Amino acid sequence: MMESRVYETNSPKETKLFGQKLGEAAKAGMIITLDGDLGAGKTLFAQGFAIGLGINEPINSPTFTILQEYEGGRLPLYHFDVYRIGDPEEMEEVGFFDYIYGGGVSLIEWSKLIDELIPKEAMRITIERDFSKGEDYRRITIDEGLYEDFSD
């Protein structure tokens, strides 16, 4: 049964810090999907997540390269952005399964586009805006794969 937890952030700084806390708790082999509309805060979350892993390089969305690897932290980070994928089979060309079953952490933006390739044990994160609660408000929903409560 899938369990969901909902967290709320009210500034870009809080969204990044939430990602950082999750990165600090990340374990080798974790697969994390990251979905939400354009401008929802996925890349900001990813930047915080990388900081939590101890990665000091600039983190940008790898939209045109599909995959960006970061090796400088306590675990390697494999940051996928599949926004421009036309067919899930294209993921084989970048060695998708070698990465997600490797010794690092895989963070996959726009994962719904390749949903059939995502293992069921993946932690699924959705970031949503709600303008009625303010420009910077974000609702972050985490489904499955929960290792601990990250709201502290």
N, C-alpha and C. Protein backbone atom coordinates (compact mmCIF):
# COMPACT_ATOMS: atom_id res chain seq x y z
N MET A 1 0.83 -1.19 0.00
CA MET A 1 0.00 0.00 0.00
C MET A 1 0.87 1.25 0.00
N MET A 2 0.55 2.20 -0.86
CA MET A 2 1.35 3.41 -0.97
C MET A 2 0.96 4.40 0.13
N GLU A 3 1.95 4.85 0.84
CA GLU A 3 1.76 5.84 1.88
C GLU A 3 2.21 7.19 1.35
N SER A 4 1.46 8.23 1.66
CA SER A 4 1.83 9.58 1.22
C SER A 4 2.03 10.48 2.43
N ARG A 5 3.00 11.35 2.29
CA ARG A 5 3.19 12.41 3.28
C ARG A 5 3.28 13.72 2.53
N VAL A 6 2.67 14.74 3.11
CA VAL A 6 2.64 16.05 2.48
C VAL A 6 3.39 17.04 3.35
N TYR A 7 4.26 17.81 2.71
CA TYR A 7 5.03 18.86 3.37
C TYR A 7 4.73 20.16 2.65
N GLU A 8 4.89 21.27 3.35
CA GLU A 8 4.65 22.57 2.75
C GLU A 8 5.86 23.46 2.95
N THR A 9 6.21 24.20 1.91
CA THR A 9 7.27 25.20 2.03
C THR A 9 6.70 26.53 1.56
N ASN A 10 7.28 27.61 2.07
CA ASN A 10 6.74 28.94 1.77
C ASN A 10 7.76 29.89 1.18
N SER A 11 8.91 29.36 0.77
CA SER A 11 9.92 30.19 0.12
C SER A 11 10.86 29.29 -0.66
N PRO A 12 11.56 29.85 -1.64
CA PRO A 12 12.57 29.06 -2.36
C PRO A 12 13.61 28.48 -1.40
N LYS A 13 13.98 29.26 -0.39
CA LYS A 13 14.97 28.80 0.59
C LYS A 13 14.47 27.55 1.32
N GLU A 14 13.19 27.56 1.72
CA GLU A 14 12.62 26.39 2.42
C GLU A 14 12.56 25.17 1.50
N THR A 15 12.21 25.37 0.24
CA THR A 15 12.14 24.25 -0.71
C THR A 15 13.53 23.64 -0.89
N LYS A 16 14.53 24.49 -1.02
CA LYS A 16 15.90 24.02 -1.17
C LYS A 16 16.36 23.30 0.10
N LEU A 17 16.04 23.84 1.25
CA LEU A 17 16.41 23.22 2.53
C LEU A 17 15.73 21.86 2.70
N PHE A 18 14.49 21.75 2.26
CA PHE A 18 13.79 20.47 2.33
C PHE A 18 14.54 19.43 1.47
N GLY A 19 14.94 19.82 0.27
CA GLY A 19 15.73 18.94 -0.58
C GLY A 19 17.04 18.55 0.08
N GLN A 20 17.66 19.52 0.76
CA GLN A 20 18.93 19.26 1.44
C GLN A 20 18.76 18.20 2.53
N LYS A 21 17.71 18.32 3.31
CA LYS A 21 17.47 17.34 4.39
C LYS A 21 17.28 15.94 3.82
N LEU A 22 16.57 15.85 2.72
CA LEU A 22 16.38 14.56 2.09
C LEU A 22 17.72 14.02 1.55
N GLY A 23 18.52 14.90 0.98
CA GLY A 23 19.85 14.50 0.50
C GLY A 23 20.74 14.01 1.62
N GLU A 24 20.65 14.64 2.77
CA GLU A 24 21.46 14.23 3.92
C GLU A 24 21.09 12.82 4.38
N ALA A 25 19.83 12.44 4.21
CA ALA A 25 19.35 11.12 4.64
C ALA A 25 19.43 10.06 3.54
N ALA A 26 19.79 10.47 2.32
CA ALA A 26 19.79 9.55 1.18
C ALA A 26 20.78 8.41 1.37
N LYS A 27 20.40 7.26 0.83
CA LYS A 27 21.23 6.06 0.90
C LYS A 27 21.55 5.59 -0.51
N ALA A 28 22.66 4.90 -0.66
CA ALA A 28 23.07 4.37 -1.96
C ALA A 28 21.95 3.51 -2.54
N GLY A 29 21.71 3.66 -3.82
CA GLY A 29 20.71 2.88 -4.50
C GLY A 29 19.32 3.49 -4.52
N MET A 30 19.14 4.62 -3.82
CA MET A 30 17.82 5.25 -3.83
C MET A 30 17.48 5.77 -5.22
N ILE A 31 16.23 5.62 -5.58
CA ILE A 31 15.69 6.14 -6.83
C ILE A 31 14.56 7.09 -6.43
N ILE A 32 14.70 8.34 -6.82
CA ILE A 32 13.74 9.37 -6.44
C ILE A 32 13.21 10.03 -7.70
N THR A 33 11.90 10.03 -7.84
CA THR A 33 11.31 10.73 -8.98
C THR A 33 10.84 12.09 -8.51
N LEU A 34 10.87 13.03 -9.42
CA LEU A 34 10.55 14.42 -9.10
C LEU A 34 9.66 14.97 -10.21
N ASP A 35 8.39 15.17 -9.88
CA ASP A 35 7.44 15.64 -10.87
C ASP A 35 6.76 16.91 -10.39
N GLY A 36 6.29 17.69 -11.35
CA GLY A 36 5.59 18.94 -11.08
C GLY A 36 5.65 19.80 -12.34
N ASP A 37 4.80 20.78 -12.39
CA ASP A 37 4.75 21.66 -13.56
C ASP A 37 6.06 22.45 -13.72
N LEU A 38 6.22 23.05 -14.89
CA LEU A 38 7.35 23.96 -15.10
C LEU A 38 7.28 25.05 -14.04
N GLY A 39 8.42 25.35 -13.43
CA GLY A 39 8.47 26.40 -12.43
C GLY A 39 8.01 25.99 -11.04
N ALA A 40 7.74 24.70 -10.86
CA ALA A 40 7.25 24.24 -9.55
C ALA A 40 8.34 24.22 -8.49
N GLY A 41 9.60 24.10 -8.90
CA GLY A 41 10.70 24.07 -7.94
C GLY A 41 11.51 22.79 -7.95
N LYS A 42 11.37 21.99 -9.01
CA LYS A 42 12.10 20.71 -9.09
C LYS A 42 13.61 20.91 -9.07
N THR A 43 14.10 21.86 -9.85
CA THR A 43 15.54 22.08 -9.91
C THR A 43 16.05 22.67 -8.60
N LEU A 44 15.30 23.55 -7.99
CA LEU A 44 15.67 24.11 -6.69
C LEU A 44 15.77 23.00 -5.64
N PHE A 45 14.79 22.10 -5.64
CA PHE A 45 14.82 20.94 -4.75
C PHE A 45 16.07 20.11 -5.03
N ALA A 46 16.37 19.87 -6.32
CA ALA A 46 17.55 19.07 -6.70
C ALA A 46 18.84 19.75 -6.23
N GLN A 47 18.90 21.07 -6.29
CA GLN A 47 20.08 21.79 -5.81
C GLN A 47 20.28 21.55 -4.32
N GLY A 48 19.20 21.63 -3.55
CA GLY A 48 19.29 21.35 -2.12
C GLY A 48 19.66 19.91 -1.85
N PHE A 49 19.10 19.00 -2.61
CA PHE A 49 19.40 17.57 -2.46
C PHE A 49 20.89 17.32 -2.65
N ALA A 50 21.46 17.94 -3.68
CA ALA A 50 22.90 17.78 -3.95
C ALA A 50 23.73 18.33 -2.79
N ILE A 51 23.34 19.46 -2.24
CA ILE A 51 24.04 20.02 -1.09
C ILE A 51 24.02 19.02 0.06
N GLY A 52 22.86 18.38 0.26
CA GLY A 52 22.73 17.37 1.31
C GLY A 52 23.64 16.17 1.10
N LEU A 53 23.98 15.90 -0.16
CA LEU A 53 24.93 14.82 -0.46
C LEU A 53 26.39 15.29 -0.36
N GLY A 54 26.58 16.59 -0.13
CA GLY A 54 27.93 17.13 -0.05
C GLY A 54 28.52 17.51 -1.40
N ILE A 55 27.68 17.71 -2.39
CA ILE A 55 28.12 18.09 -3.73
C ILE A 55 28.12 19.62 -3.80
N ASN A 56 29.26 20.18 -4.18
CA ASN A 56 29.40 21.63 -4.20
C ASN A 56 29.34 22.23 -5.60
N GLU A 57 29.19 21.40 -6.62
CA GLU A 57 29.10 21.90 -8.00
C GLU A 57 27.75 22.56 -8.22
N PRO A 58 27.67 23.49 -9.18
CA PRO A 58 26.37 24.05 -9.53
C PRO A 58 25.48 22.96 -10.12
N ILE A 59 24.23 22.91 -9.71
CA ILE A 59 23.28 21.91 -10.20
C ILE A 59 22.27 22.63 -11.09
N ASN A 60 22.21 22.20 -12.33
CA ASN A 60 21.24 22.75 -13.26
C ASN A 60 20.41 21.60 -13.80
N SER A 61 19.25 21.92 -14.32
CA SER A 61 18.42 20.89 -14.90
C SER A 61 19.07 20.40 -16.19
N PRO A 62 19.33 19.09 -16.32
CA PRO A 62 20.03 18.58 -17.50
C PRO A 62 19.10 18.33 -18.69
N THR A 63 18.22 19.29 -18.97
CA THR A 63 17.19 19.12 -19.99
C THR A 63 17.74 18.70 -21.35
N PHE A 64 18.85 19.26 -21.76
CA PHE A 64 19.35 18.96 -23.10
C PHE A 64 20.30 17.77 -23.13
N THR A 65 20.77 17.33 -21.97
CA THR A 65 21.70 16.21 -21.94
C THR A 65 21.08 14.94 -21.35
N ILE A 66 19.87 15.03 -20.84
CA ILE A 66 19.12 13.96 -20.18
C ILE A 66 19.74 13.57 -18.84
N LEU A 67 21.05 13.46 -18.77
CA LEU A 67 21.70 13.00 -17.55
C LEU A 67 22.90 13.87 -17.21
N GLN A 68 22.99 14.24 -15.94
CA GLN A 68 24.18 14.92 -15.42
C GLN A 68 24.66 14.11 -14.23
N GLU A 69 25.94 13.75 -14.24
CA GLU A 69 26.52 12.98 -13.14
C GLU A 69 27.33 13.91 -12.24
N TYR A 70 27.18 13.72 -10.93
CA TYR A 70 27.93 14.48 -9.95
C TYR A 70 28.59 13.48 -9.01
N GLU A 71 29.92 13.50 -8.96
CA GLU A 71 30.67 12.51 -8.19
C GLU A 71 31.30 13.08 -6.92
N GLY A 72 31.14 14.38 -6.67
CA GLY A 72 31.90 15.02 -5.61
C GLY A 72 31.37 14.88 -4.19
N GLY A 73 30.26 14.19 -3.98
CA GLY A 73 29.68 14.08 -2.65
C GLY A 73 29.92 12.73 -2.01
N ARG A 74 29.22 12.48 -0.92
CA ARG A 74 29.40 11.21 -0.22
C ARG A 74 28.82 10.05 -1.01
N LEU A 75 27.92 10.33 -1.94
CA LEU A 75 27.38 9.36 -2.88
C LEU A 75 27.31 10.03 -4.25
N PRO A 76 27.50 9.28 -5.33
CA PRO A 76 27.29 9.87 -6.66
C PRO A 76 25.81 10.22 -6.85
N LEU A 77 25.56 11.32 -7.55
CA LEU A 77 24.21 11.73 -7.89
C LEU A 77 24.05 11.63 -9.40
N TYR A 78 23.03 10.91 -9.82
CA TYR A 78 22.68 10.79 -11.23
C TYR A 78 21.37 11.55 -11.43
N HIS A 79 21.49 12.73 -12.00
CA HIS A 79 20.36 13.65 -12.14
C HIS A 79 19.83 13.57 -13.57
N PHE A 80 18.68 12.97 -13.71
CA PHE A 80 18.04 12.82 -15.02
C PHE A 80 16.96 13.88 -15.18
N ASP A 81 16.81 14.38 -16.41
CA ASP A 81 15.69 15.22 -16.78
C ASP A 81 15.17 14.65 -18.08
N VAL A 82 14.02 14.02 -18.04
CA VAL A 82 13.52 13.31 -19.22
C VAL A 82 12.41 14.10 -19.94
N TYR A 83 12.37 15.41 -19.71
CA TYR A 83 11.35 16.26 -20.30
C TYR A 83 11.30 16.14 -21.83
N ARG A 84 12.45 15.99 -22.46
CA ARG A 84 12.52 15.95 -23.92
C ARG A 84 12.55 14.54 -24.51
N ILE A 85 12.32 13.54 -23.68
CA ILE A 85 12.32 12.17 -24.17
C ILE A 85 11.06 11.94 -25.00
N GLY A 86 11.25 11.43 -26.23
CA GLY A 86 10.10 11.14 -27.08
C GLY A 86 9.58 9.74 -26.87
N ASP A 87 10.47 8.82 -26.51
CA ASP A 87 10.10 7.42 -26.35
C ASP A 87 10.93 6.86 -25.19
N PRO A 88 10.30 6.19 -24.25
CA PRO A 88 11.06 5.65 -23.11
C PRO A 88 12.26 4.78 -23.51
N GLU A 89 12.21 4.18 -24.70
CA GLU A 89 13.35 3.36 -25.16
C GLU A 89 14.63 4.18 -25.30
N GLU A 90 14.50 5.50 -25.47
CA GLU A 90 15.67 6.36 -25.58
C GLU A 90 16.53 6.31 -24.30
N MET A 91 15.91 5.96 -23.19
CA MET A 91 16.63 5.91 -21.92
C MET A 91 17.71 4.83 -21.92
N GLU A 92 17.51 3.78 -22.70
CA GLU A 92 18.52 2.73 -22.79
C GLU A 92 19.83 3.27 -23.36
N GLU A 93 19.73 4.25 -24.25
CA GLU A 93 20.92 4.83 -24.89
C GLU A 93 21.83 5.52 -23.88
N VAL A 94 21.27 6.03 -22.77
CA VAL A 94 22.09 6.69 -21.75
C VAL A 94 22.48 5.73 -20.62
N GLY A 95 22.11 4.46 -20.75
CA GLY A 95 22.46 3.49 -19.71
C GLY A 95 21.62 3.64 -18.46
N PHE A 96 20.37 4.02 -18.63
CA PHE A 96 19.47 4.32 -17.51
C PHE A 96 19.50 3.27 -16.41
N PHE A 97 19.34 2.00 -16.76
CA PHE A 97 19.26 0.95 -15.74
C PHE A 97 20.59 0.73 -15.03
N ASP A 98 21.70 0.94 -15.74
CA ASP A 98 23.01 0.84 -15.08
C ASP A 98 23.14 1.90 -13.99
N TYR A 99 22.61 3.08 -14.25
CA TYR A 99 22.68 4.15 -13.25
C TYR A 99 21.75 3.89 -12.09
N ILE A 100 20.46 3.61 -12.39
CA ILE A 100 19.51 3.51 -11.28
C ILE A 100 19.77 2.31 -10.38
N TYR A 101 20.46 1.30 -10.92
CA TYR A 101 20.80 0.15 -10.08
C TYR A 101 22.27 0.17 -9.68
N GLY A 102 22.91 1.34 -9.82
CA GLY A 102 24.31 1.50 -9.43
C GLY A 102 24.42 1.89 -7.97
N GLY A 103 25.58 2.37 -7.59
CA GLY A 103 25.85 2.68 -6.19
C GLY A 103 25.54 4.09 -5.76
N GLY A 104 24.93 4.87 -6.64
CA GLY A 104 24.63 6.25 -6.29
C GLY A 104 23.15 6.45 -6.01
N VAL A 105 22.73 7.71 -6.11
CA VAL A 105 21.35 8.09 -5.94
C VAL A 105 20.87 8.66 -7.27
N SER A 106 19.73 8.18 -7.75
CA SER A 106 19.16 8.67 -9.00
C SER A 106 17.99 9.59 -8.70
N LEU A 107 18.06 10.79 -9.26
CA LEU A 107 17.01 11.79 -9.13
C LEU A 107 16.47 12.02 -10.54
N ILE A 108 15.18 11.72 -10.76
CA ILE A 108 14.62 11.71 -12.11
C ILE A 108 13.50 12.74 -12.22
N GLU A 109 13.79 13.86 -12.91
CA GLU A 109 12.77 14.88 -13.14
C GLU A 109 11.89 14.49 -14.32
N TRP A 110 10.60 14.81 -14.24
CA TRP A 110 9.60 14.51 -15.27
C TRP A 110 9.44 12.99 -15.46
N SER A 111 9.54 12.25 -14.38
CA SER A 111 9.53 10.78 -14.46
C SER A 111 8.26 10.20 -15.04
N LYS A 112 7.16 10.92 -14.97
CA LYS A 112 5.89 10.38 -15.48
C LYS A 112 5.99 10.06 -16.98
N LEU A 113 6.92 10.72 -17.67
CA LEU A 113 7.10 10.47 -19.10
C LEU A 113 7.72 9.10 -19.38
N ILE A 114 8.35 8.51 -18.37
CA ILE A 114 8.95 7.18 -18.53
C ILE A 114 8.46 6.26 -17.40
N ASP A 115 7.23 6.47 -16.99
CA ASP A 115 6.69 5.79 -15.81
C ASP A 115 6.87 4.27 -15.86
N GLU A 116 6.75 3.68 -17.03
CA GLU A 116 6.88 2.23 -17.12
C GLU A 116 8.29 1.73 -16.81
N LEU A 117 9.28 2.63 -16.80
CA LEU A 117 10.66 2.23 -16.50
C LEU A 117 11.03 2.44 -15.03
N ILE A 118 10.17 3.11 -14.27
CA ILE A 118 10.48 3.45 -12.89
C ILE A 118 10.17 2.25 -11.98
N PRO A 119 11.16 1.78 -11.22
CA PRO A 119 10.92 0.66 -10.31
C PRO A 119 9.89 1.01 -9.24
N LYS A 120 9.13 0.02 -8.82
CA LYS A 120 8.05 0.27 -7.85
C LYS A 120 8.57 0.76 -6.51
N GLU A 121 9.84 0.48 -6.19
CA GLU A 121 10.38 0.90 -4.89
C GLU A 121 10.85 2.36 -4.90
N ALA A 122 10.73 3.03 -6.02
CA ALA A 122 11.16 4.42 -6.10
C ALA A 122 10.36 5.30 -5.14
N MET A 123 11.04 6.29 -4.59
CA MET A 123 10.38 7.34 -3.81
C MET A 123 9.87 8.37 -4.82
N ARG A 124 8.58 8.62 -4.80
CA ARG A 124 7.98 9.54 -5.77
C ARG A 124 7.63 10.86 -5.08
N ILE A 125 8.19 11.93 -5.62
CA ILE A 125 7.97 13.27 -5.06
C ILE A 125 7.27 14.14 -6.11
N THR A 126 6.21 14.80 -5.68
CA THR A 126 5.50 15.74 -6.54
C THR A 126 5.52 17.10 -5.86
N ILE A 127 5.91 18.11 -6.62
CA ILE A 127 5.93 19.48 -6.11
C ILE A 127 4.85 20.26 -6.85
N GLU A 128 3.98 20.90 -6.07
CA GLU A 128 2.87 21.65 -6.66
C GLU A 128 2.81 23.06 -6.09
N ARG A 129 2.37 23.98 -6.93
CA ARG A 129 2.14 25.35 -6.51
C ARG A 129 0.66 25.50 -6.18
N ASP A 130 0.36 26.44 -5.30
CA ASP A 130 -1.02 26.81 -5.00
C ASP A 130 -1.01 28.32 -4.79
N PHE A 131 -1.35 29.03 -5.85
CA PHE A 131 -1.24 30.49 -5.80
C PHE A 131 -2.16 31.12 -4.77
N SER A 132 -3.22 30.40 -4.35
CA SER A 132 -4.10 30.94 -3.32
C SER A 132 -3.38 31.05 -1.98
N LYS A 133 -2.27 30.31 -1.85
CA LYS A 133 -1.48 30.35 -0.61
C LYS A 133 -0.20 31.18 -0.76
N GLY A 134 -0.03 31.81 -1.91
CA GLY A 134 1.13 32.69 -2.12
C GLY A 134 2.00 32.22 -3.26
N GLU A 135 2.73 33.16 -3.82
CA GLU A 135 3.61 32.91 -4.97
C GLU A 135 4.66 31.85 -4.68
N ASP A 136 5.19 31.84 -3.47
CA ASP A 136 6.30 30.94 -3.14
C ASP A 136 5.88 29.66 -2.43
N TYR A 137 4.59 29.48 -2.21
CA TYR A 137 4.10 28.27 -1.54
C TYR A 137 4.29 27.04 -2.43
N ARG A 138 4.76 25.95 -1.82
CA ARG A 138 4.87 24.67 -2.52
C ARG A 138 4.33 23.56 -1.63
N ARG A 139 3.58 22.64 -2.23
CA ARG A 139 3.12 21.43 -1.56
C ARG A 139 3.97 20.30 -2.11
N ILE A 140 4.70 19.64 -1.22
CA ILE A 140 5.59 18.56 -1.62
C ILE A 140 5.01 17.26 -1.08
N THR A 141 4.62 16.38 -1.99
CA THR A 141 4.02 15.10 -1.61
C THR A 141 5.03 13.99 -1.90
N ILE A 142 5.28 13.16 -0.90
CA ILE A 142 6.19 12.03 -1.04
C ILE A 142 5.38 10.75 -0.90
N ASP A 143 5.49 9.90 -1.91
CA ASP A 143 4.82 8.61 -1.92
C ASP A 143 5.86 7.50 -1.89
N GLU A 144 5.63 6.51 -1.03
CA GLU A 144 6.43 5.29 -0.97
C GLU A 144 7.90 5.53 -0.67
N GLY A 145 8.62 4.49 -0.42
CA GLY A 145 10.05 4.56 -0.21
C GLY A 145 10.45 5.44 0.96
N LEU A 146 9.57 5.67 1.89
CA LEU A 146 9.86 6.60 2.98
C LEU A 146 10.87 5.99 3.95
N TYR A 147 11.93 6.72 4.20
CA TYR A 147 12.98 6.26 5.10
C TYR A 147 12.84 6.90 6.46
N GLU A 148 12.33 8.10 6.48
CA GLU A 148 12.11 8.81 7.74
C GLU A 148 11.31 10.07 7.46
N ASP A 149 10.90 10.74 8.49
CA ASP A 149 10.15 11.98 8.34
C ASP A 149 11.16 13.12 8.16
N PHE A 150 11.06 13.84 7.05
CA PHE A 150 12.05 14.88 6.72
C PHE A 150 11.60 16.27 7.08
N SER A 151 10.54 16.41 7.87
CA SER A 151 9.99 17.73 8.11
C SER A 151 10.70 18.52 9.20
N ASP A 152 11.59 17.90 9.97
CA ASP A 152 12.26 18.62 11.05
C ASP A 152 13.21 19.67 10.54
